[in-house]
Amino acid sequence: MKKQSMKKGKGAKTLPNPYLKKLGARVKSLRVKKGYSSGEKFALDHGFSRVQYGRWETGKNLTFLSIVEMIEAFDITVKEFFSEGFD
């Protein structure tokens, strides 16, 4: 997928990839489904940095390893993780 730019030329800002927004929404929905109203509490209970977990929920770019660690914390498979919210 090609990056979208708000303006052309030097210093152009790149818009976030829409899949990152979907990724963040999926992470949040799984946290809520697990019974956590607070991302901070989920992060602390699963050994994640609160700041890093907050980035995941807001759709910041993640490494594949981070995604796998998060999926393991939700106790689901990679296939289950990507089965909703990415169409």
PDB file of N, CA and C in Angstrom:
ATOM      1  N   MET A   1       0.842  -1.174   0.000  1.00  0.00           N
ATOM      2  CA  MET A   1       0.000   0.000   0.000  1.00  0.00           C
ATOM      3  C   MET A   1       0.891   1.243   0.000  1.00  0.00           C
ATOM      4  N   LYS A   2       0.588   2.172  -0.854  1.00  0.00           N
ATOM      5  CA  LYS A   2       1.364   3.386  -0.992  1.00  0.00           C
ATOM      6  C   LYS A   2       1.021   4.370   0.121  1.00  0.00           C
ATOM      7  N   LYS A   3       2.046   5.039   0.667  1.00  0.00           N
ATOM      8  CA  LYS A   3       1.816   6.042   1.704  1.00  0.00           C
ATOM      9  C   LYS A   3       1.126   7.255   1.099  1.00  0.00           C
ATOM     10  N   GLN A   4       0.207   7.799   1.875  1.00  0.00           N
ATOM     11  CA  GLN A   4      -0.503   8.989   1.437  1.00  0.00           C
ATOM     12  C   GLN A   4       0.178  10.212   2.044  1.00  0.00           C
ATOM     13  N   SER A   5       0.270  11.268   1.275  1.00  0.00           N
ATOM     14  CA  SER A   5       0.891  12.485   1.764  1.00  0.00           C
ATOM     15  C   SER A   5      -0.135  13.604   1.784  1.00  0.00           C
ATOM     16  N   MET A   6      -0.081  14.434   2.832  1.00  0.00           N
ATOM     17  CA  MET A   6      -1.005  15.550   2.939  1.00  0.00           C
ATOM     18  C   MET A   6      -0.623  16.673   1.994  1.00  0.00           C
ATOM     19  N   LYS A   7       0.652  16.800   1.695  1.00  0.00           N
ATOM     20  CA  LYS A   7       1.110  17.821   0.770  1.00  0.00           C
ATOM     21  C   LYS A   7       2.347  17.311   0.062  1.00  0.00           C
ATOM     22  N   LYS A   8       2.649  17.892  -1.062  1.00  0.00           N
ATOM     23  CA  LYS A   8       3.816  17.465  -1.822  1.00  0.00           C
ATOM     24  C   LYS A   8       5.015  18.307  -1.443  1.00  0.00           C
ATOM     25  N   GLY A   9       6.191  17.750  -1.707  1.00  0.00           N
ATOM     26  CA  GLY A   9       7.404  18.523  -1.490  1.00  0.00           C
ATOM     27  C   GLY A   9       8.099  18.172  -0.201  1.00  0.00           C
ATOM     28  N   LYS A  10       9.169  18.918   0.034  1.00  0.00           N
ATOM     29  CA  LYS A  10      10.003  18.691   1.208  1.00  0.00           C
ATOM     30  C   LYS A  10       9.201  18.932   2.493  1.00  0.00           C
ATOM     31  N   GLY A  11       9.353  18.031   3.451  1.00  0.00           N
ATOM     32  CA  GLY A  11       8.671  18.186   4.730  1.00  0.00           C
ATOM     33  C   GLY A  11       7.225  17.737   4.716  1.00  0.00           C
ATOM     34  N   ALA A  12       6.815  17.028   3.670  1.00  0.00           N
ATOM     35  CA  ALA A  12       5.431  16.557   3.589  1.00  0.00           C
ATOM     36  C   ALA A  12       5.156  15.563   4.711  1.00  0.00           C
ATOM     37  N   LYS A  13       3.997  15.694   5.341  1.00  0.00           N
ATOM     38  CA  LYS A  13       3.604  14.769   6.401  1.00  0.00           C
ATOM     39  C   LYS A  13       2.924  13.563   5.774  1.00  0.00           C
ATOM     40  N   THR A  14       3.270  12.383   6.283  1.00  0.00           N
ATOM     41  CA  THR A  14       2.662  11.161   5.805  1.00  0.00           C
ATOM     42  C   THR A  14       1.491  10.795   6.709  1.00  0.00           C
ATOM     43  N   LEU A  15       0.353  10.497   6.103  1.00  0.00           N
ATOM     44  CA  LEU A  15      -0.809  10.073   6.871  1.00  0.00           C
ATOM     45  C   LEU A  15      -0.593   8.648   7.369  1.00  0.00           C
ATOM     46  N   PRO A  16      -1.153   8.314   8.512  1.00  0.00           N
ATOM     47  CA  PRO A  16      -0.986   6.957   9.019  1.00  0.00           C
ATOM     48  C   PRO A  16      -1.635   5.929   8.102  1.00  0.00           C
ATOM     49  N   ASN A  17      -1.026   4.772   8.046  1.00  0.00           N
ATOM     50  CA  ASN A  17      -1.569   3.677   7.269  1.00  0.00           C
ATOM     51  C   ASN A  17      -2.895   3.254   7.896  1.00  0.00           C
ATOM     52  N   PRO A  18      -3.961   3.083   7.112  1.00  0.00           N
ATOM     53  CA  PRO A  18      -5.260   2.722   7.694  1.00  0.00           C
ATOM     54  C   PRO A  18      -5.231   1.380   8.417  1.00  0.00           C
ATOM     55  N   TYR A  19      -4.336   0.490   8.051  1.00  0.00           N
ATOM     56  CA  TYR A  19      -4.247  -0.790   8.738  1.00  0.00           C
ATOM     57  C   TYR A  19      -3.719  -0.632  10.159  1.00  0.00           C
ATOM     58  N   LEU A  20      -2.914   0.387  10.406  1.00  0.00           N
ATOM     59  CA  LEU A  20      -2.432   0.629  11.771  1.00  0.00           C
ATOM     60  C   LEU A  20      -3.581   1.063  12.670  1.00  0.00           C
ATOM     61  N   LYS A  21      -4.484   1.879  12.129  1.00  0.00           N
ATOM     62  CA  LYS A  21      -5.662   2.288  12.890  1.00  0.00           C
ATOM     63  C   LYS A  21      -6.528   1.068  13.214  1.00  0.00           C
ATOM     64  N   LYS A  22      -6.692   0.183  12.234  1.00  0.00           N
ATOM     65  CA  LYS A  22      -7.465  -1.042  12.445  1.00  0.00           C
ATOM     66  C   LYS A  22      -6.783  -1.941  13.468  1.00  0.00           C
ATOM     67  N   LEU A  23      -5.456  -1.992  13.427  1.00  0.00           N
ATOM     68  CA  LEU A  23      -4.692  -2.794  14.382  1.00  0.00           C
ATOM     69  C   LEU A  23      -4.932  -2.285  15.802  1.00  0.00           C
ATOM     70  N   GLY A  24      -4.859  -0.984  15.978  1.00  0.00           N
ATOM     71  CA  GLY A  24      -5.098  -0.391  17.293  1.00  0.00           C
ATOM     72  C   GLY A  24      -6.501  -0.667  17.804  1.00  0.00           C
ATOM     73  N   ALA A  25      -7.477  -0.559  16.917  1.00  0.00           N
ATOM     74  CA  ALA A  25      -8.864  -0.833  17.301  1.00  0.00           C
ATOM     75  C   ALA A  25      -9.043  -2.292  17.695  1.00  0.00           C
ATOM     76  N   ARG A  26      -8.378  -3.192  16.986  1.00  0.00           N
ATOM     77  CA  ARG A  26      -8.470  -4.623  17.304  1.00  0.00           C
ATOM     78  C   ARG A  26      -7.845  -4.902  18.669  1.00  0.00           C
ATOM     79  N   VAL A  27      -6.703  -4.306  18.943  1.00  0.00           N
ATOM     80  CA  VAL A  27      -6.042  -4.487  20.237  1.00  0.00           C
ATOM     81  C   VAL A  27      -6.965  -4.015  21.363  1.00  0.00           C
ATOM     82  N   LYS A  28      -7.545  -2.853  21.191  1.00  0.00           N
ATOM     83  CA  LYS A  28      -8.432  -2.312  22.222  1.00  0.00           C
ATOM     84  C   LYS A  28      -9.652  -3.206  22.421  1.00  0.00           C
ATOM     85  N   SER A  29     -10.248  -3.670  21.326  1.00  0.00           N
ATOM     86  CA  SER A  29     -11.447  -4.504  21.457  1.00  0.00           C
ATOM     87  C   SER A  29     -11.135  -5.817  22.175  1.00  0.00           C
ATOM     88  N   LEU A  30      -9.965  -6.388  21.916  1.00  0.00           N
ATOM     89  CA  LEU A  30      -9.587  -7.625  22.600  1.00  0.00           C
ATOM     90  C   LEU A  30      -9.338  -7.392  24.087  1.00  0.00           C
ATOM     91  N   ARG A  31      -8.753  -6.244  24.409  1.00  0.00           N
ATOM     92  CA  ARG A  31      -8.530  -5.908  25.821  1.00  0.00           C
ATOM     93  C   ARG A  31      -9.859  -5.799  26.559  1.00  0.00           C
ATOM     94  N   VAL A  32     -10.796  -5.096  25.961  1.00  0.00           N
ATOM     95  CA  VAL A  32     -12.112  -4.922  26.578  1.00  0.00           C
ATOM     96  C   VAL A  32     -12.816  -6.282  26.702  1.00  0.00           C
ATOM     97  N   LYS A  33     -12.696  -7.105  25.669  1.00  0.00           N
ATOM     98  CA  LYS A  33     -13.299  -8.448  25.688  1.00  0.00           C
ATOM     99  C   LYS A  33     -12.725  -9.294  26.824  1.00  0.00           C
ATOM    100  N   LYS A  34     -11.450  -9.063  27.166  1.00  0.00           N
ATOM    101  CA  LYS A  34     -10.805  -9.772  28.280  1.00  0.00           C
ATOM    102  C   LYS A  34     -11.250  -9.236  29.642  1.00  0.00           C
ATOM    103  N   GLY A  35     -12.065  -8.168  29.638  1.00  0.00           N
ATOM    104  CA  GLY A  35     -12.587  -7.627  30.885  1.00  0.00           C
ATOM    105  C   GLY A  35     -11.791  -6.479  31.473  1.00  0.00           C
ATOM    106  N   TYR A  36     -10.865  -5.931  30.710  1.00  0.00           N
ATOM    107  CA  TYR A  36     -10.048  -4.812  31.191  1.00  0.00           C
ATOM    108  C   TYR A  36     -10.622  -3.490  30.675  1.00  0.00           C
ATOM    109  N   SER A  37     -11.015  -2.632  31.590  1.00  0.00           N
ATOM    110  CA  SER A  37     -11.484  -1.312  31.167  1.00  0.00           C
ATOM    111  C   SER A  37     -10.308  -0.358  30.983  1.00  0.00           C
ATOM    112  N   SER A  38      -9.151  -0.736  31.519  1.00  0.00           N
ATOM    113  CA  SER A  38      -7.963   0.118  31.463  1.00  0.00           C
ATOM    114  C   SER A  38      -6.828  -0.564  30.699  1.00  0.00           C
ATOM    115  N   GLY A  39      -6.323   0.134  29.703  1.00  0.00           N
ATOM    116  CA  GLY A  39      -5.155  -0.361  28.985  1.00  0.00           C
ATOM    117  C   GLY A  39      -3.944  -0.432  29.894  1.00  0.00           C
ATOM    118  N   GLU A  40      -3.861   0.507  30.818  1.00  0.00           N
ATOM    119  CA  GLU A  40      -2.745   0.533  31.762  1.00  0.00           C
ATOM    120  C   GLU A  40      -2.741  -0.728  32.623  1.00  0.00           C
ATOM    121  N   LYS A  41      -3.892  -1.134  33.119  1.00  0.00           N
ATOM    122  CA  LYS A  41      -3.996  -2.325  33.957  1.00  0.00           C
ATOM    123  C   LYS A  41      -3.644  -3.575  33.151  1.00  0.00           C
ATOM    124  N   PHE A  42      -4.140  -3.662  31.916  1.00  0.00           N
ATOM    125  CA  PHE A  42      -3.809  -4.811  31.070  1.00  0.00           C
ATOM    126  C   PHE A  42      -2.301  -4.881  30.855  1.00  0.00           C
ATOM    127  N   ALA A  43      -1.703  -3.742  30.531  1.00  0.00           N
ATOM    128  CA  ALA A  43      -0.255  -3.695  30.285  1.00  0.00           C
ATOM    129  C   ALA A  43       0.519  -4.168  31.507  1.00  0.00           C
ATOM    130  N   LEU A  44       0.185  -3.647  32.664  1.00  0.00           N
ATOM    131  CA  LEU A  44       0.896  -4.024  33.881  1.00  0.00           C
ATOM    132  C   LEU A  44       0.706  -5.503  34.223  1.00  0.00           C
ATOM    133  N   ASP A  45      -0.509  -6.012  34.037  1.00  0.00           N
ATOM    134  CA  ASP A  45      -0.785  -7.418  34.338  1.00  0.00           C
ATOM    135  C   ASP A  45      -0.056  -8.383  33.398  1.00  0.00           C
ATOM    136  N   HIS A  46       0.323  -7.894  32.214  1.00  0.00           N
ATOM    137  CA  HIS A  46       0.956  -8.772  31.231  1.00  0.00           C
ATOM    138  C   HIS A  46       2.417  -8.413  30.951  1.00  0.00           C
ATOM    139  N   GLY A  47       2.978  -7.554  31.779  1.00  0.00           N
ATOM    140  CA  GLY A  47       4.403  -7.248  31.689  1.00  0.00           C
ATOM    141  C   GLY A  47       4.802  -6.337  30.541  1.00  0.00           C
ATOM    142  N   PHE A  48       3.854  -5.548  30.047  1.00  0.00           N
ATOM    143  CA  PHE A  48       4.155  -4.590  28.992  1.00  0.00           C
ATOM    144  C   PHE A  48       4.347  -3.206  29.598  1.00  0.00           C
ATOM    145  N   SER A  49       5.139  -2.398  28.961  1.00  0.00           N
ATOM    146  CA  SER A  49       5.252  -0.992  29.346  1.00  0.00           C
ATOM    147  C   SER A  49       3.905  -0.318  29.065  1.00  0.00           C
ATOM    148  N   ARG A  50       3.438   0.505  30.019  1.00  0.00           N
ATOM    149  CA  ARG A  50       2.172   1.229  29.803  1.00  0.00           C
ATOM    150  C   ARG A  50       2.252   2.093  28.557  1.00  0.00           C
ATOM    151  N   VAL A  51       3.383   2.751  28.381  1.00  0.00           N
ATOM    152  CA  VAL A  51       3.559   3.651  27.236  1.00  0.00           C
ATOM    153  C   VAL A  51       3.516   2.870  25.927  1.00  0.00           C
ATOM    154  N   GLN A  52       4.252   1.760  25.882  1.00  0.00           N
ATOM    155  CA  GLN A  52       4.269   0.948  24.669  1.00  0.00           C
ATOM    156  C   GLN A  52       2.881   0.407  24.360  1.00  0.00           C
ATOM    157  N   TYR A  53       2.194  -0.110  25.369  1.00  0.00           N
ATOM    158  CA  TYR A  53       0.852  -0.636  25.138  1.00  0.00           C
ATOM    159  C   TYR A  53      -0.076   0.472  24.629  1.00  0.00           C
ATOM    160  N   GLY A  54       0.051   1.655  25.189  1.00  0.00           N
ATOM    161  CA  GLY A  54      -0.759   2.786  24.723  1.00  0.00           C
ATOM    162  C   GLY A  54      -0.518   3.081  23.253  1.00  0.00           C
ATOM    163  N   ARG A  55       0.715   2.941  22.804  1.00  0.00           N
ATOM    164  CA  ARG A  55       1.034   3.141  21.392  1.00  0.00           C
ATOM    165  C   ARG A  55       0.340   2.081  20.537  1.00  0.00           C
ATOM    166  N   TRP A  56       0.315   0.856  21.040  1.00  0.00           N
ATOM    167  CA  TRP A  56      -0.329  -0.215  20.276  1.00  0.00           C
ATOM    168  C   TRP A  56      -1.808   0.087  20.077  1.00  0.00           C
ATOM    169  N   GLU A  57      -2.478   0.552  21.130  1.00  0.00           N
ATOM    170  CA  GLU A  57      -3.912   0.833  21.028  1.00  0.00           C
ATOM    171  C   GLU A  57      -4.217   2.051  20.173  1.00  0.00           C
ATOM    172  N   THR A  58      -3.270   2.935  20.028  1.00  0.00           N
ATOM    173  CA  THR A  58      -3.515   4.109  19.191  1.00  0.00           C
ATOM    174  C   THR A  58      -3.039   3.893  17.761  1.00  0.00           C
ATOM    175  N   GLY A  59      -2.599   2.670  17.461  1.00  0.00           N
ATOM    176  CA  GLY A  59      -2.257   2.335  16.081  1.00  0.00           C
ATOM    177  C   GLY A  59      -0.894   2.803  15.637  1.00  0.00           C
ATOM    178  N   LYS A  60       0.028   2.901  16.560  1.00  0.00           N
ATOM    179  CA  LYS A  60       1.400   3.216  16.164  1.00  0.00           C
ATOM    180  C   LYS A  60       2.010   1.977  15.527  1.00  0.00           C
ATOM    181  N   ASN A  61       3.009   2.165  14.710  1.00  0.00           N
ATOM    182  CA  ASN A  61       3.634   1.047  14.014  1.00  0.00           C
ATOM    183  C   ASN A  61       4.242   0.070  15.017  1.00  0.00           C
ATOM    184  N   LEU A  62       4.043  -1.213  14.768  1.00  0.00           N
ATOM    185  CA  LEU A  62       4.519  -2.269  15.655  1.00  0.00           C
ATOM    186  C   LEU A  62       5.457  -3.209  14.916  1.00  0.00           C
ATOM    187  N   THR A  63       6.325  -3.829  15.664  1.00  0.00           N
ATOM    188  CA  THR A  63       7.125  -4.896  15.069  1.00  0.00           C
ATOM    189  C   THR A  63       6.295  -6.179  15.112  1.00  0.00           C
ATOM    190  N   PHE A  64       6.648  -7.124  14.269  1.00  0.00           N
ATOM    191  CA  PHE A  64       5.925  -8.393  14.273  1.00  0.00           C
ATOM    192  C   PHE A  64       6.079  -9.086  15.620  1.00  0.00           C
ATOM    193  N   LEU A  65       7.266  -9.016  16.209  1.00  0.00           N
ATOM    194  CA  LEU A  65       7.489  -9.635  17.512  1.00  0.00           C
ATOM    195  C   LEU A  65       6.559  -9.031  18.569  1.00  0.00           C
ATOM    196  N   SER A  66       6.360  -7.726  18.544  1.00  0.00           N
ATOM    197  CA  SER A  66       5.443  -7.077  19.482  1.00  0.00           C
ATOM    198  C   SER A  66       4.022  -7.584  19.289  1.00  0.00           C
ATOM    199  N   ILE A  67       3.626  -7.745  18.040  1.00  0.00           N
ATOM    200  CA  ILE A  67       2.283  -8.249  17.751  1.00  0.00           C
ATOM    201  C   ILE A  67       2.131  -9.667  18.307  1.00  0.00           C
ATOM    202  N   VAL A  68       3.129 -10.504  18.088  1.00  0.00           N
ATOM    203  CA  VAL A  68       3.071 -11.883  18.584  1.00  0.00           C
ATOM    204  C   VAL A  68       3.001 -11.912  20.112  1.00  0.00           C
ATOM    205  N   GLU A  69       3.796 -11.096  20.783  1.00  0.00           N
ATOM    206  CA  GLU A  69       3.758 -11.038  22.254  1.00  0.00           C
ATOM    207  C   GLU A  69       2.383 -10.603  22.741  1.00  0.00           C
ATOM    208  N   MET A  70       1.797  -9.644  22.071  1.00  0.00           N
ATOM    209  CA  MET A  70       0.478  -9.153  22.438  1.00  0.00           C
ATOM    210  C   MET A  70      -0.580 -10.237  22.211  1.00  0.00           C
ATOM    211  N   ILE A  71      -0.495 -10.917  21.074  1.00  0.00           N
ATOM    212  CA  ILE A  71      -1.442 -11.992  20.764  1.00  0.00           C
ATOM    213  C   ILE A  71      -1.357 -13.086  21.826  1.00  0.00           C
ATOM    214  N   GLU A  72      -0.158 -13.415  22.256  1.00  0.00           N
ATOM    215  CA  GLU A  72       0.008 -14.416  23.317  1.00  0.00           C
ATOM    216  C   GLU A  72      -0.641 -13.947  24.618  1.00  0.00           C
ATOM    217  N   ALA A  73      -0.554 -12.659  24.918  1.00  0.00           N
ATOM    218  CA  ALA A  73      -1.179 -12.123  26.129  1.00  0.00           C
ATOM    219  C   ALA A  73      -2.701 -12.233  26.056  1.00  0.00           C
ATOM    220  N   PHE A  74      -3.255 -12.115  24.849  1.00  0.00           N
ATOM    221  CA  PHE A  74      -4.696 -12.265  24.679  1.00  0.00           C
ATOM    222  C   PHE A  74      -5.107 -13.736  24.633  1.00  0.00           C
ATOM    223  N   ASP A  75      -4.121 -14.629  24.602  1.00  0.00           N
ATOM    224  CA  ASP A  75      -4.355 -16.076  24.587  1.00  0.00           C
ATOM    225  C   ASP A  75      -5.197 -16.503  23.374  1.00  0.00           C
ATOM    226  N   ILE A  76      -4.814 -15.965  22.217  1.00  0.00           N
ATOM    227  CA  ILE A  76      -5.455 -16.341  20.959  1.00  0.00           C
ATOM    228  C   ILE A  76      -4.361 -16.640  19.938  1.00  0.00           C
ATOM    229  N   THR A  77      -4.768 -17.132  18.779  1.00  0.00           N
ATOM    230  CA  THR A  77      -3.810 -17.418  17.714  1.00  0.00           C
ATOM    231  C   THR A  77      -3.656 -16.199  16.808  1.00  0.00           C
ATOM    232  N   VAL A  78      -2.602 -16.227  16.012  1.00  0.00           N
ATOM    233  CA  VAL A  78      -2.392 -15.153  15.036  1.00  0.00           C
ATOM    234  C   VAL A  78      -3.587 -15.095  14.085  1.00  0.00           C
ATOM    235  N   LYS A  79      -4.052 -16.257  13.660  1.00  0.00           N
ATOM    236  CA  LYS A  79      -5.212 -16.323  12.760  1.00  0.00           C
ATOM    237  C   LYS A  79      -6.446 -15.684  13.403  1.00  0.00           C
ATOM    238  N   GLU A  80      -6.685 -15.983  14.682  1.00  0.00           N
ATOM    239  CA  GLU A  80      -7.828 -15.388  15.385  1.00  0.00           C
ATOM    240  C   GLU A  80      -7.672 -13.872  15.488  1.00  0.00           C
ATOM    241  N   PHE A  81      -6.466 -13.423  15.772  1.00  0.00           N
ATOM    242  CA  PHE A  81      -6.231 -11.985  15.915  1.00  0.00           C
ATOM    243  C   PHE A  81      -6.612 -11.236  14.642  1.00  0.00           C
ATOM    244  N   PHE A  82      -6.173 -11.754  13.503  1.00  0.00           N
ATOM    245  CA  PHE A  82      -6.428 -11.065  12.239  1.00  0.00           C
ATOM    246  C   PHE A  82      -7.746 -11.453  11.580  1.00  0.00           C
ATOM    247  N   SER A  83      -8.571 -12.254  12.270  1.00  0.00           N
ATOM    248  CA  SER A  83      -9.837 -12.688  11.680  1.00  0.00           C
ATOM    249  C   SER A  83     -10.921 -11.624  11.720  1.00  0.00           C
ATOM    250  N   GLU A  84     -10.738 -10.589  12.521  1.00  0.00           N
ATOM    251  CA  GLU A  84     -11.749  -9.526  12.633  1.00  0.00           C
ATOM    252  C   GLU A  84     -11.099  -8.149  12.509  1.00  0.00           C
ATOM    253  N   GLY A  85     -11.820  -7.246  11.871  1.00  0.00           N
ATOM    254  CA  GLY A  85     -11.412  -5.854  11.839  1.00  0.00           C
ATOM    255  C   GLY A  85     -10.451  -5.435  10.748  1.00  0.00           C
ATOM    256  N   PHE A  86     -10.089  -6.357   9.853  1.00  0.00           N
ATOM    257  CA  PHE A  86      -9.105  -6.005   8.830  1.00  0.00           C
ATOM    258  C   PHE A  86      -9.647  -6.146   7.408  1.00  0.00           C
ATOM    259  N   ASP A  87     -10.958  -6.211   7.262  1.00  0.00           N
ATOM    260  CA  ASP A  87     -11.523  -6.347   5.919  1.00  0.00           C
ATOM    261  C   ASP A  87     -11.677  -5.036   5.238  1.00  0.00           C
TER     262      ASP A  87
END
